[in-house]
PDB file of N, CA and C in Angstrom:
ATOM      1  N   MET A   1      -1.153  25.930   3.359  1.00  0.00           N
ATOM      2  CA  MET A   1      -1.675  24.798   4.104  1.00  0.00           C
ATOM      3  C   MET A   1      -2.370  25.332   5.359  1.00  0.00           C
ATOM      4  N   GLN A   2      -3.655  25.019   5.461  1.00  0.00           N
ATOM      5  CA  GLN A   2      -4.417  25.476   6.618  1.00  0.00           C
ATOM      6  C   GLN A   2      -4.064  24.662   7.855  1.00  0.00           C
ATOM      7  N   LYS A   3      -4.078  25.343   8.986  1.00  0.00           N
ATOM      8  CA  LYS A   3      -3.782  24.689  10.259  1.00  0.00           C
ATOM      9  C   LYS A   3      -4.916  23.731  10.624  1.00  0.00           C
ATOM     10  N   LEU A   4      -4.547  22.606  11.213  1.00  0.00           N
ATOM     11  CA  LEU A   4      -5.533  21.625  11.642  1.00  0.00           C
ATOM     12  C   LEU A   4      -5.769  21.724  13.146  1.00  0.00           C
ATOM     13  N   THR A   5      -6.987  21.413  13.553  1.00  0.00           N
ATOM     14  CA  THR A   5      -7.280  21.307  14.985  1.00  0.00           C
ATOM     15  C   THR A   5      -6.655  19.999  15.482  1.00  0.00           C
ATOM     16  N   ASN A   6      -6.580  19.833  16.787  1.00  0.00           N
ATOM     17  CA  ASN A   6      -6.038  18.589  17.350  1.00  0.00           C
ATOM     18  C   ASN A   6      -6.834  17.377  16.885  1.00  0.00           C
ATOM     19  N   LYS A   7      -8.160  17.483  16.862  1.00  0.00           N
ATOM     20  CA  LYS A   7      -9.008  16.361  16.440  1.00  0.00           C
ATOM     21  C   LYS A   7      -8.806  16.076  14.952  1.00  0.00           C
ATOM     22  N   GLU A   8      -8.709  17.129  14.128  1.00  0.00           N
ATOM     23  CA  GLU A   8      -8.462  16.928  12.698  1.00  0.00           C
ATOM     24  C   GLU A   8      -7.127  16.235  12.474  1.00  0.00           C
ATOM     25  N   GLU A   9      -6.120  16.642  13.230  1.00  0.00           N
ATOM     26  CA  GLU A   9      -4.800  16.019  13.103  1.00  0.00           C
ATOM     27  C   GLU A   9      -4.863  14.550  13.522  1.00  0.00           C
ATOM     28  N   GLU A  10      -5.582  14.262  14.589  1.00  0.00           N
ATOM     29  CA  GLU A  10      -5.754  12.875  15.037  1.00  0.00           C
ATOM     30  C   GLU A  10      -6.400  12.033  13.922  1.00  0.00           C
ATOM     31  N   ILE A  11      -7.413  12.589  13.281  1.00  0.00           N
ATOM     32  CA  ILE A  11      -8.108  11.875  12.209  1.00  0.00           C
ATOM     33  C   ILE A  11      -7.196  11.689  11.002  1.00  0.00           C
ATOM     34  N   MET A  12      -6.380  12.698  10.702  1.00  0.00           N
ATOM     35  CA  MET A  12      -5.436  12.552   9.589  1.00  0.00           C
ATOM     36  C   MET A  12      -4.456  11.419   9.871  1.00  0.00           C
ATOM     37  N   HIS A  13      -3.971  11.300  11.098  1.00  0.00           N
ATOM     38  CA  HIS A  13      -3.057  10.205  11.438  1.00  0.00           C
ATOM     39  C   HIS A  13      -3.734   8.849  11.206  1.00  0.00           C
ATOM     40  N   ILE A  14      -5.013   8.767  11.521  1.00  0.00           N
ATOM     41  CA  ILE A  14      -5.758   7.529  11.289  1.00  0.00           C
ATOM     42  C   ILE A  14      -5.880   7.262   9.789  1.00  0.00           C
ATOM     43  N   LEU A  15      -6.216   8.296   9.024  1.00  0.00           N
ATOM     44  CA  LEU A  15      -6.354   8.118   7.570  1.00  0.00           C
ATOM     45  C   LEU A  15      -5.014   7.772   6.916  1.00  0.00           C
ATOM     46  N   TRP A  16      -3.929   8.365   7.390  1.00  0.00           N
ATOM     47  CA  TRP A  16      -2.613   7.999   6.840  1.00  0.00           C
ATOM     48  C   TRP A  16      -2.322   6.523   7.114  1.00  0.00           C
ATOM     49  N   LYS A  17      -2.712   6.071   8.292  1.00  0.00           N
ATOM     50  CA  LYS A  17      -2.471   4.672   8.655  1.00  0.00           C
ATOM     51  C   LYS A  17      -3.361   3.728   7.844  1.00  0.00           C
ATOM     52  N   LEU A  18      -4.649   4.062   7.752  1.00  0.00           N
ATOM     53  CA  LEU A  18      -5.593   3.193   7.051  1.00  0.00           C
ATOM     54  C   LEU A  18      -5.514   3.324   5.521  1.00  0.00           C
ATOM     55  N   GLU A  19      -5.037   4.457   5.046  1.00  0.00           N
ATOM     56  CA  GLU A  19      -4.910   4.806   3.629  1.00  0.00           C
ATOM     57  C   GLU A  19      -6.240   5.145   2.967  1.00  0.00           C
ATOM     58  N   LYS A  20      -7.286   4.401   3.252  1.00  0.00           N
ATOM     59  CA  LYS A  20      -8.638   4.775   2.828  1.00  0.00           C
ATOM     60  C   LYS A  20      -9.615   4.157   3.812  1.00  0.00           C
ATOM     61  N   ALA A  21     -10.690   4.910   4.090  1.00  0.00           N
ATOM     62  CA  ALA A  21     -11.605   4.443   5.128  1.00  0.00           C
ATOM     63  C   ALA A  21     -12.949   5.141   5.026  1.00  0.00           C
ATOM     64  N   PHE A  22     -13.973   4.419   5.467  1.00  0.00           N
ATOM     65  CA  PHE A  22     -15.290   5.007   5.646  1.00  0.00           C
ATOM     66  C   PHE A  22     -15.308   5.654   7.035  1.00  0.00           C
ATOM     67  N   VAL A  23     -16.280   6.519   7.273  1.00  0.00           N
ATOM     68  CA  VAL A  23     -16.372   7.201   8.565  1.00  0.00           C
ATOM     69  C   VAL A  23     -16.398   6.190   9.710  1.00  0.00           C
ATOM     70  N   LYS A  24     -17.140   5.096   9.546  1.00  0.00           N
ATOM     71  CA  LYS A  24     -17.230   4.087  10.611  1.00  0.00           C
ATOM     72  C   LYS A  24     -15.871   3.454  10.897  1.00  0.00           C
ATOM     73  N   ASP A  25     -15.006   3.327   9.875  1.00  0.00           N
ATOM     74  CA  ASP A  25     -13.663   2.777  10.076  1.00  0.00           C
ATOM     75  C   ASP A  25     -12.807   3.738  10.899  1.00  0.00           C
ATOM     76  N   VAL A  26     -12.926   5.024  10.588  1.00  0.00           N
ATOM     77  CA  VAL A  26     -12.184   6.044  11.340  1.00  0.00           C
ATOM     78  C   VAL A  26     -12.673   6.063  12.774  1.00  0.00           C
ATOM     79  N   GLN A  27     -13.989   6.006  12.950  1.00  0.00           N
ATOM     80  CA  GLN A  27     -14.565   6.032  14.297  1.00  0.00           C
ATOM     81  C   GLN A  27     -14.070   4.834  15.114  1.00  0.00           C
ATOM     82  N   ALA A  28     -13.981   3.675  14.497  1.00  0.00           N
ATOM     83  CA  ALA A  28     -13.516   2.474  15.202  1.00  0.00           C
ATOM     84  C   ALA A  28     -12.053   2.597  15.614  1.00  0.00           C
ATOM     85  N   ALA A  29     -11.270   3.371  14.875  1.00  0.00           N
ATOM     86  CA  ALA A  29      -9.839   3.509  15.157  1.00  0.00           C
ATOM     87  C   ALA A  29      -9.538   4.549  16.233  1.00  0.00           C
ATOM     88  N   ILE A  30     -10.506   5.375  16.585  1.00  0.00           N
ATOM     89  CA  ILE A  30     -10.299   6.400  17.610  1.00  0.00           C
ATOM     90  C   ILE A  30     -10.335   5.732  18.982  1.00  0.00           C
ATOM     91  N   VAL A  31      -9.266   5.902  19.736  1.00  0.00           N
ATOM     92  CA  VAL A  31      -9.119   5.205  21.014  1.00  0.00           C
ATOM     93  C   VAL A  31      -9.875   5.898  22.142  1.00  0.00           C
ATOM     94  N   THR A  32      -9.638   7.193  22.313  1.00  0.00           N
ATOM     95  CA  THR A  32     -10.284   7.923  23.408  1.00  0.00           C
ATOM     96  C   THR A  32     -11.106   9.073  22.854  1.00  0.00           C
ATOM     97  N   ASP A  33     -12.111   9.472  23.601  1.00  0.00           N
ATOM     98  CA  ASP A  33     -12.926  10.633  23.250  1.00  0.00           C
ATOM     99  C   ASP A  33     -13.534  10.495  21.851  1.00  0.00           C
ATOM    100  N   LYS A  34     -14.197   9.352  21.613  1.00  0.00           N
ATOM    101  CA  LYS A  34     -14.820   9.079  20.306  1.00  0.00           C
ATOM    102  C   LYS A  34     -15.939  10.072  20.024  1.00  0.00           C
ATOM    103  N   PRO A  35     -15.853  10.782  18.913  1.00  0.00           N
ATOM    104  CA  PRO A  35     -16.951  11.694  18.567  1.00  0.00           C
ATOM    105  C   PRO A  35     -18.140  10.898  18.008  1.00  0.00           C
ATOM    106  N   HIS A  36     -19.310  11.497  18.056  1.00  0.00           N
ATOM    107  CA  HIS A  36     -20.507  10.920  17.454  1.00  0.00           C
ATOM    108  C   HIS A  36     -20.252  10.779  15.950  1.00  0.00           C
ATOM    109  N   TYR A  37     -20.873   9.807  15.326  1.00  0.00           N
ATOM    110  CA  TYR A  37     -20.688   9.544  13.892  1.00  0.00           C
ATOM    111  C   TYR A  37     -20.886  10.812  13.060  1.00  0.00           C
ATOM    112  N   ASN A  38     -21.981  11.547  13.316  1.00  0.00           N
ATOM    113  CA  ASN A  38     -22.264  12.761  12.528  1.00  0.00           C
ATOM    114  C   ASN A  38     -21.203  13.834  12.732  1.00  0.00           C
ATOM    115  N   THR A  39     -20.715  13.962  13.955  1.00  0.00           N
ATOM    116  CA  THR A  39     -19.649  14.935  14.250  1.00  0.00           C
ATOM    117  C   THR A  39     -18.387  14.552  13.492  1.00  0.00           C
ATOM    118  N   LEU A  40     -18.041  13.279  13.530  1.00  0.00           N
ATOM    119  CA  LEU A  40     -16.856  12.799  12.826  1.00  0.00           C
ATOM    120  C   LEU A  40     -16.986  12.997  11.326  1.00  0.00           C
ATOM    121  N   SER A  41     -18.158  12.734  10.800  1.00  0.00           N
ATOM    122  CA  SER A  41     -18.412  12.941   9.374  1.00  0.00           C
ATOM    123  C   SER A  41     -18.196  14.408   8.992  1.00  0.00           C
ATOM    124  N   THR A  42     -18.660  15.313   9.839  1.00  0.00           N
ATOM    125  CA  THR A  42     -18.468  16.752   9.600  1.00  0.00           C
ATOM    126  C   THR A  42     -16.985  17.118   9.638  1.00  0.00           C
ATOM    127  N   ILE A  43     -16.248  16.567  10.595  1.00  0.00           N
ATOM    128  CA  ILE A  43     -14.814  16.854  10.701  1.00  0.00           C
ATOM    129  C   ILE A  43     -14.099  16.374   9.446  1.00  0.00           C
ATOM    130  N   ILE A  44     -14.440  15.199   8.969  1.00  0.00           N
ATOM    131  CA  ILE A  44     -13.788  14.659   7.764  1.00  0.00           C
ATOM    132  C   ILE A  44     -14.141  15.503   6.543  1.00  0.00           C
ATOM    133  N   ARG A  45     -15.388  15.947   6.445  1.00  0.00           N
ATOM    134  CA  ARG A  45     -15.766  16.837   5.327  1.00  0.00           C
ATOM    135  C   ARG A  45     -15.007  18.165   5.413  1.00  0.00           C
ATOM    136  N   ASN A  46     -14.769  18.665   6.639  1.00  0.00           N
ATOM    137  CA  ASN A  46     -13.966  19.885   6.801  1.00  0.00           C
ATOM    138  C   ASN A  46     -12.539  19.649   6.314  1.00  0.00           C
ATOM    139  N   LEU A  47     -11.993  18.472   6.612  1.00  0.00           N
ATOM    140  CA  LEU A  47     -10.647  18.131   6.127  1.00  0.00           C
ATOM    141  C   LEU A  47     -10.626  18.103   4.599  1.00  0.00           C
ATOM    142  N   GLU A  48     -11.730  17.652   4.015  1.00  0.00           N
ATOM    143  CA  GLU A  48     -11.836  17.636   2.557  1.00  0.00           C
ATOM    144  C   GLU A  48     -11.866  19.059   2.008  1.00  0.00           C
ATOM    145  N   GLU A  49     -12.632  19.937   2.659  1.00  0.00           N
ATOM    146  CA  GLU A  49     -12.697  21.341   2.233  1.00  0.00           C
ATOM    147  C   GLU A  49     -11.333  22.021   2.350  1.00  0.00           C
ATOM    148  N   LYS A  50     -10.556  21.644   3.346  1.00  0.00           N
ATOM    149  CA  LYS A  50      -9.228  22.217   3.545  1.00  0.00           C
ATOM    150  C   LYS A  50      -8.191  21.638   2.567  1.00  0.00           C
ATOM    151  N   GLY A  51      -8.575  20.599   1.826  1.00  0.00           N
ATOM    152  CA  GLY A  51      -7.676  20.029   0.832  1.00  0.00           C
ATOM    153  C   GLY A  51      -6.779  18.915   1.343  1.00  0.00           C
ATOM    154  N   TYR A  52      -7.090  18.354   2.492  1.00  0.00           N
ATOM    155  CA  TYR A  52      -6.289  17.275   3.065  1.00  0.00           C
ATOM    156  C   TYR A  52      -6.797  15.890   2.681  1.00  0.00           C
ATOM    157  N   VAL A  53      -8.091  15.808   2.367  1.00  0.00           N
ATOM    158  CA  VAL A  53      -8.752  14.526   2.164  1.00  0.00           C
ATOM    159  C   VAL A  53      -9.583  14.569   0.890  1.00  0.00           C
ATOM    160  N   GLY A  54      -9.643  13.436   0.204  1.00  0.00           N
ATOM    161  CA  GLY A  54     -10.521  13.272  -0.939  1.00  0.00           C
ATOM    162  C   GLY A  54     -11.446  12.102  -0.664  1.00  0.00           C
ATOM    163  N   HIS A  55     -12.392  11.846  -1.581  1.00  0.00           N
ATOM    164  CA  HIS A  55     -13.288  10.710  -1.355  1.00  0.00           C
ATOM    165  C   HIS A  55     -13.664  10.039  -2.668  1.00  0.00           C
ATOM    166  N   THR A  56     -14.098   8.800  -2.534  1.00  0.00           N
ATOM    167  CA  THR A  56     -14.702   8.044  -3.612  1.00  0.00           C
ATOM    168  C   THR A  56     -16.121   7.736  -3.159  1.00  0.00           C
ATOM    169  N   ALA A  57     -17.094   8.049  -4.011  1.00  0.00           N
ATOM    170  CA  ALA A  57     -18.492   7.837  -3.647  1.00  0.00           C
ATOM    171  C   ALA A  57     -18.947   6.436  -4.060  1.00  0.00           C
ATOM    172  N   TYR A  58     -19.633   5.802  -3.156  1.00  0.00           N
ATOM    173  CA  TYR A  58     -20.293   4.522  -3.409  1.00  0.00           C
ATOM    174  C   TYR A  58     -21.762   4.725  -3.045  1.00  0.00           C
ATOM    175  N   GLY A  59     -22.545   5.198  -3.999  1.00  0.00           N
ATOM    176  CA  GLY A  59     -23.931   5.563  -3.701  1.00  0.00           C
ATOM    177  C   GLY A  59     -23.932   6.749  -2.762  1.00  0.00           C
ATOM    178  N   ASN A  60     -24.593   6.591  -1.618  1.00  0.00           N
ATOM    179  CA  ASN A  60     -24.651   7.676  -0.629  1.00  0.00           C
ATOM    180  C   ASN A  60     -23.485   7.629   0.348  1.00  0.00           C
ATOM    181  N   THR A  61     -22.628   6.626   0.239  1.00  0.00           N
ATOM    182  CA  THR A  61     -21.521   6.448   1.169  1.00  0.00           C
ATOM    183  C   THR A  61     -20.224   6.923   0.535  1.00  0.00           C
ATOM    184  N   HIS A  62     -19.377   7.529   1.348  1.00  0.00           N
ATOM    185  CA  HIS A  62     -18.081   8.005   0.857  1.00  0.00           C
ATOM    186  C   HIS A  62     -16.951   7.282   1.565  1.00  0.00           C
ATOM    187  N   GLN A  63     -15.977   6.886   0.775  1.00  0.00           N
ATOM    188  CA  GLN A  63     -14.743   6.329   1.332  1.00  0.00           C
ATOM    189  C   GLN A  63     -13.684   7.420   1.176  1.00  0.00           C
ATOM    190  N   TYR A  64     -13.057   7.782   2.286  1.00  0.00           N
ATOM    191  CA  TYR A  64     -12.123   8.901   2.302  1.00  0.00           C
ATOM    192  C   TYR A  64     -10.682   8.418   2.235  1.00  0.00           C
ATOM    193  N   HIS A  65      -9.835   9.272   1.677  1.00  0.00           N
ATOM    194  CA  HIS A  65      -8.401   8.979   1.584  1.00  0.00           C
ATOM    195  C   HIS A  65      -7.616  10.284   1.695  1.00  0.00           C
ATOM    196  N   PRO A  66      -6.404  10.221   2.258  1.00  0.00           N
ATOM    197  CA  PRO A  66      -5.594  11.443   2.369  1.00  0.00           C
ATOM    198  C   PRO A  66      -5.110  11.898   0.988  1.00  0.00           C
ATOM    199  N   ILE A  67      -5.114  13.187   0.788  1.00  0.00           N
ATOM    200  CA  ILE A  67      -4.532  13.780  -0.428  1.00  0.00           C
ATOM    201  C   ILE A  67      -3.128  14.268  -0.105  1.00  0.00           C
ATOM    202  N   ILE A  68      -2.953  14.784   1.098  1.00  0.00           N
ATOM    203  CA  ILE A  68      -1.662  15.272   1.582  1.00  0.00           C
ATOM    204  C   ILE A  68      -0.955  14.106   2.274  1.00  0.00           C
ATOM    205  N   THR A  69       0.310  13.893   1.925  1.00  0.00           N
ATOM    206  CA  THR A  69       1.057  12.838   2.607  1.00  0.00           C
ATOM    207  C   THR A  69       1.473  13.314   3.995  1.00  0.00           C
ATOM    208  N   LYS A  70       1.789  12.347   4.831  1.00  0.00           N
ATOM    209  CA  LYS A  70       2.249  12.675   6.179  1.00  0.00           C
ATOM    210  C   LYS A  70       3.526  13.517   6.102  1.00  0.00           C
ATOM    211  N   GLU A  71       4.394  13.202   5.163  1.00  0.00           N
ATOM    212  CA  GLU A  71       5.646  13.952   4.993  1.00  0.00           C
ATOM    213  C   GLU A  71       5.374  15.402   4.581  1.00  0.00           C
ATOM    214  N   GLU A  72       4.435  15.609   3.665  1.00  0.00           N
ATOM    215  CA  GLU A  72       4.084  16.979   3.251  1.00  0.00           C
ATOM    216  C   GLU A  72       3.536  17.770   4.439  1.00  0.00           C
ATOM    217  N   TYR A  73       2.686  17.119   5.230  1.00  0.00           N
ATOM    218  CA  TYR A  73       2.134  17.789   6.407  1.00  0.00           C
ATOM    219  C   TYR A  73       3.234  18.112   7.406  1.00  0.00           C
ATOM    220  N   ARG A  74       4.127  17.146   7.642  1.00  0.00           N
ATOM    221  CA  ARG A  74       5.220  17.352   8.602  1.00  0.00           C
ATOM    222  C   ARG A  74       6.084  18.539   8.182  1.00  0.00           C
ATOM    223  N   LYS A  75       6.411  18.627   6.897  1.00  0.00           N
ATOM    224  CA  LYS A  75       7.221  19.753   6.406  1.00  0.00           C
ATOM    225  C   LYS A  75       6.527  21.083   6.676  1.00  0.00           C
ATOM    226  N   GLY A  76       5.252  21.163   6.315  1.00  0.00           N
ATOM    227  CA  GLY A  76       4.499  22.398   6.532  1.00  0.00           C
ATOM    228  C   GLY A  76       4.384  22.738   8.005  1.00  0.00           C
ATOM    229  N   PHE A  77       4.123  21.725   8.819  1.00  0.00           N
ATOM    230  CA  PHE A  77       3.987  21.916  10.264  1.00  0.00           C
ATOM    231  C   PHE A  77       5.292  22.433  10.852  1.00  0.00           C
ATOM    232  N   MET A  78       6.400  21.796  10.502  1.00  0.00           N
ATOM    233  CA  MET A  78       7.705  22.202  11.043  1.00  0.00           C
ATOM    234  C   MET A  78       8.105  23.590  10.548  1.00  0.00           C
ATOM    235  N   ASN A  79       7.891  23.856   9.265  1.00  0.00           N
ATOM    236  CA  ASN A  79       8.220  25.191   8.739  1.00  0.00           C
ATOM    237  C   ASN A  79       7.416  26.269   9.461  1.00  0.00           C
ATOM    238  N   ASN A  80       6.147  25.991   9.706  1.00  0.00           N
ATOM    239  CA  ASN A  80       5.287  26.941  10.418  1.00  0.00           C
ATOM    240  C   ASN A  80       5.774  27.134  11.853  1.00  0.00           C
ATOM    241  N   ALA A  81       6.098  26.038  12.541  1.00  0.00           N
ATOM    242  CA  ALA A  81       6.571  26.129  13.930  1.00  0.00           C
ATOM    243  C   ALA A  81       7.881  26.904  14.006  1.00  0.00           C
ATOM    244  N   ILE A  82       8.795  26.626  13.097  1.00  0.00           N
ATOM    245  CA  ILE A  82      10.097  27.310  13.111  1.00  0.00           C
ATOM    246  C   ILE A  82       9.909  28.793  12.818  1.00  0.00           C
ATOM    247  N   GLU A  83       9.017  29.110  11.876  1.00  0.00           N
ATOM    248  CA  GLU A  83       8.758  30.511  11.545  1.00  0.00           C
ATOM    249  C   GLU A  83       8.141  31.251  12.727  1.00  0.00           C
ATOM    250  N   HIS A  84       7.125  30.664  13.362  1.00  0.00           N
ATOM    251  CA  HIS A  84       6.378  31.377  14.392  1.00  0.00           C
ATOM    252  C   HIS A  84       6.983  31.299  15.794  1.00  0.00           C
ATOM    253  N   TYR A  85       7.732  30.250  16.093  1.00  0.00           N
ATOM    254  CA  TYR A  85       8.240  30.081  17.450  1.00  0.00           C
ATOM    255  C   TYR A  85       9.745  30.258  17.572  1.00  0.00           C
ATOM    256  N   PHE A  86      10.452  30.207  16.446  1.00  0.00           N
ATOM    257  CA  PHE A  86      11.919  30.293  16.502  1.00  0.00           C
ATOM    258  C   PHE A  86      12.476  31.337  15.542  1.00  0.00           C
ATOM    259  N   ASN A  87      11.657  32.306  15.125  1.00  0.00           N
ATOM    260  CA  ASN A  87      12.097  33.394  14.240  1.00  0.00           C
ATOM    261  C   ASN A  87      12.815  32.894  12.989  1.00  0.00           C
ATOM    262  N   ASN A  88      12.302  31.826  12.403  1.00  0.00           N
ATOM    263  CA  ASN A  88      12.899  31.223  11.203  1.00  0.00           C
ATOM    264  C   ASN A  88      14.332  30.759  11.418  1.00  0.00           C
ATOM    265  N   SER A  89      14.709  30.470  12.644  1.00  0.00           N
ATOM    266  CA  SER A  89      16.077  30.072  12.958  1.00  0.00           C
ATOM    267  C   SER A  89      16.120  28.612  13.412  1.00  0.00           C
ATOM    268  N   TYR A  90      16.732  27.781  12.575  1.00  0.00           N
ATOM    269  CA  TYR A  90      16.903  26.376  12.956  1.00  0.00           C
ATOM    270  C   TYR A  90      17.874  26.266  14.129  1.00  0.00           C
ATOM    271  N   LYS A  91      18.826  27.191  14.176  1.00  0.00           N
ATOM    272  CA  LYS A  91      19.770  27.221  15.289  1.00  0.00           C
ATOM    273  C   LYS A  91      19.028  27.449  16.604  1.00  0.00           C
ATOM    274  N   SER A  92      18.085  28.377  16.612  1.00  0.00           N
ATOM    275  CA  SER A  92      17.285  28.633  17.816  1.00  0.00           C
ATOM    276  C   SER A  92      16.478  27.403  18.203  1.00  0.00           C
ATOM    277  N   MET A  93      15.949  26.696  17.208  1.00  0.00           N
ATOM    278  CA  MET A  93      15.167  25.502  17.486  1.00  0.00           C
ATOM    279  C   MET A  93      16.047  24.418  18.124  1.00  0.00           C
ATOM    280  N   ILE A  94      17.217  24.179  17.559  1.00  0.00           N
ATOM    281  CA  ILE A  94      18.127  23.165  18.099  1.00  0.00           C
ATOM    282  C   ILE A  94      18.593  23.572  19.503  1.00  0.00           C
ATOM    283  N   SER A  95      18.871  24.865  19.694  1.00  0.00           N
ATOM    284  CA  SER A  95      19.279  25.359  21.016  1.00  0.00           C
ATOM    285  C   SER A  95      18.182  25.109  22.045  1.00  0.00           C
ATOM    286  N   PHE A  96      16.946  25.344  21.636  1.00  0.00           N
ATOM    287  CA  PHE A  96      15.810  25.105  22.532  1.00  0.00           C
ATOM    288  C   PHE A  96      15.793  23.649  22.988  1.00  0.00           C
ATOM    289  N   PHE A  97      15.913  22.718  22.042  1.00  0.00           N
ATOM    290  CA  PHE A  97      15.876  21.298  22.393  1.00  0.00           C
ATOM    291  C   PHE A  97      17.080  20.892  23.240  1.00  0.00           C
ATOM    292  N   ALA A  98      18.219  21.512  22.984  1.00  0.00           N
ATOM    293  CA  ALA A  98      19.406  21.216  23.795  1.00  0.00           C
ATOM    294  C   ALA A  98      19.206  21.708  25.228  1.00  0.00           C
ATOM    295  N   LYS A  99      18.692  22.930  25.384  1.00  0.00           N
ATOM    296  CA  LYS A  99      18.456  23.481  26.720  1.00  0.00           C
ATOM    297  C   LYS A  99      17.409  22.684  27.491  1.00  0.00           C
ATOM    298  N   GLU A 100      16.422  22.172  26.769  1.00  0.00           N
ATOM    299  CA  GLU A 100      15.355  21.378  27.401  1.00  0.00           C
ATOM    300  C   GLU A 100      15.791  19.928  27.610  1.00  0.00           C
ATOM    301  N   GLU A 101      17.023  19.639  27.232  1.00  0.00           N
ATOM    302  CA  GLU A 101      17.589  18.285  27.342  1.00  0.00           C
ATOM    303  C   GLU A 101      16.764  17.261  26.570  1.00  0.00           C
ATOM    304  N   LYS A 102      16.274  17.682  25.414  1.00  0.00           N
ATOM    305  CA  LYS A 102      15.515  16.798  24.529  1.00  0.00           C
ATOM    306  C   LYS A 102      16.414  16.202  23.444  1.00  0.00           C
ATOM    307  N   ILE A 103      17.632  16.725  23.353  1.00  0.00           N
ATOM    308  CA  ILE A 103      18.595  16.227  22.377  1.00  0.00           C
ATOM    309  C   ILE A 103      19.956  16.154  23.060  1.00  0.00           C
ATOM    310  N   SER A 104      20.664  15.081  22.814  1.00  0.00           N
ATOM    311  CA  SER A 104      21.956  14.882  23.477  1.00  0.00           C
ATOM    312  C   SER A 104      23.095  15.376  22.594  1.00  0.00           C
ATOM    313  N   ALA A 105      24.255  15.511  23.211  1.00  0.00           N
ATOM    314  CA  ALA A 105      25.453  15.903  22.467  1.00  0.00           C
ATOM    315  C   ALA A 105      25.768  14.854  21.395  1.00  0.00           C
ATOM    316  N   GLU A 106      25.560  13.602  21.729  1.00  0.00           N
ATOM    317  CA  GLU A 106      25.799  12.523  20.768  1.00  0.00           C
ATOM    318  C   GLU A 106      24.870  12.654  19.558  1.00  0.00           C
ATOM    319  N   GLU A 107      23.605  12.962  19.810  1.00  0.00           N
ATOM    320  CA  GLU A 107      22.659  13.160  18.708  1.00  0.00           C
ATOM    321  C   GLU A 107      23.054  14.364  17.860  1.00  0.00           C
ATOM    322  N   LEU A 108      23.541  15.428  18.503  1.00  0.00           N
ATOM    323  CA  LEU A 108      24.008  16.608  17.762  1.00  0.00           C
ATOM    324  C   LEU A 108      25.207  16.252  16.884  1.00  0.00           C
ATOM    325  N   ARG A 109      26.111  15.410  17.400  1.00  0.00           N
ATOM    326  CA  ARG A 109      27.254  14.959  16.591  1.00  0.00           C
ATOM    327  C   ARG A 109      26.771  14.163  15.381  1.00  0.00           C
ATOM    328  N   GLU A 110      25.760  13.327  15.586  1.00  0.00           N
ATOM    329  CA  GLU A 110      25.206  12.545  14.477  1.00  0.00           C
ATOM    330  C   GLU A 110      24.601  13.472  13.418  1.00  0.00           C
ATOM    331  N   ILE A 111      23.921  14.524  13.870  1.00  0.00           N
ATOM    332  CA  ILE A 111      23.344  15.495  12.940  1.00  0.00           C
ATOM    333  C   ILE A 111      24.456  16.189  12.161  1.00  0.00           C
ATOM    334  N   LEU A 112      25.530  16.592  12.856  1.00  0.00           N
ATOM    335  CA  LEU A 112      26.666  17.219  12.169  1.00  0.00           C
ATOM    336  C   LEU A 112      27.287  16.279  11.136  1.00  0.00           C
ATOM    337  N   ASP A 113      27.413  15.002  11.498  1.00  0.00           N
ATOM    338  CA  ASP A 113      27.925  14.018  10.540  1.00  0.00           C
ATOM    339  C   ASP A 113      27.031  13.933   9.315  1.00  0.00           C
ATOM    340  N   MET A 114      25.726  13.915   9.509  1.00  0.00           N
ATOM    341  CA  MET A 114      24.780  13.858   8.376  1.00  0.00           C
ATOM    342  C   MET A 114      24.943  15.093   7.481  1.00  0.00           C
ATOM    343  N   ILE A 115      25.089  16.265   8.099  1.00  0.00           N
ATOM    344  CA  ILE A 115      25.240  17.508   7.342  1.00  0.00           C
ATOM    345  C   ILE A 115      26.544  17.485   6.548  1.00  0.00           C
ATOM    346  N   GLU A 116      27.611  17.073   7.181  1.00  0.00           N
ATOM    347  CA  GLU A 116      28.916  17.054   6.534  1.00  0.00           C
ATOM    348  C   GLU A 116      29.001  16.048   5.404  1.00  0.00           C
ATOM    349  N   LYS A 117      28.240  14.965   5.493  1.00  0.00           N
ATOM    350  CA  LYS A 117      28.269  13.942   4.451  1.00  0.00           C
ATOM    351  C   LYS A 117      27.463  14.309   3.227  1.00  0.00           C
ATOM    352  N   LYS A 118      26.610  15.311   3.320  1.00  0.00           N
ATOM    353  CA  LYS A 118      25.790  15.738   2.178  1.00  0.00           C
ATOM    354  C   LYS A 118      26.572  16.522   1.199  1.00  0.00           C
TER     355      LYS A 118
END
């Protein structure tokens, strides 16, 4: 799975939400820093080349849809982050969030309960 730029990831989130869309639909959904139509069209075609997006042609117009689900992307993204930033250690990742106070002891207990119930 190829890494996405921030703008590509933003567009994927829009496509996951819309499920299928023309470039103008994606452009309308972008809240800040709207790219020019042609720039956006190029970004979406790049996503297609990377295997994230497919299209249905209607004459000269294309309607785009995600090929990769949000869950598939999340798995790949998290596996990559854990591999590159936490030495493939989930323990290191959880420790990081605990030290940064991003996860509470109560949440950790809930995670342990989920693990034990499996």
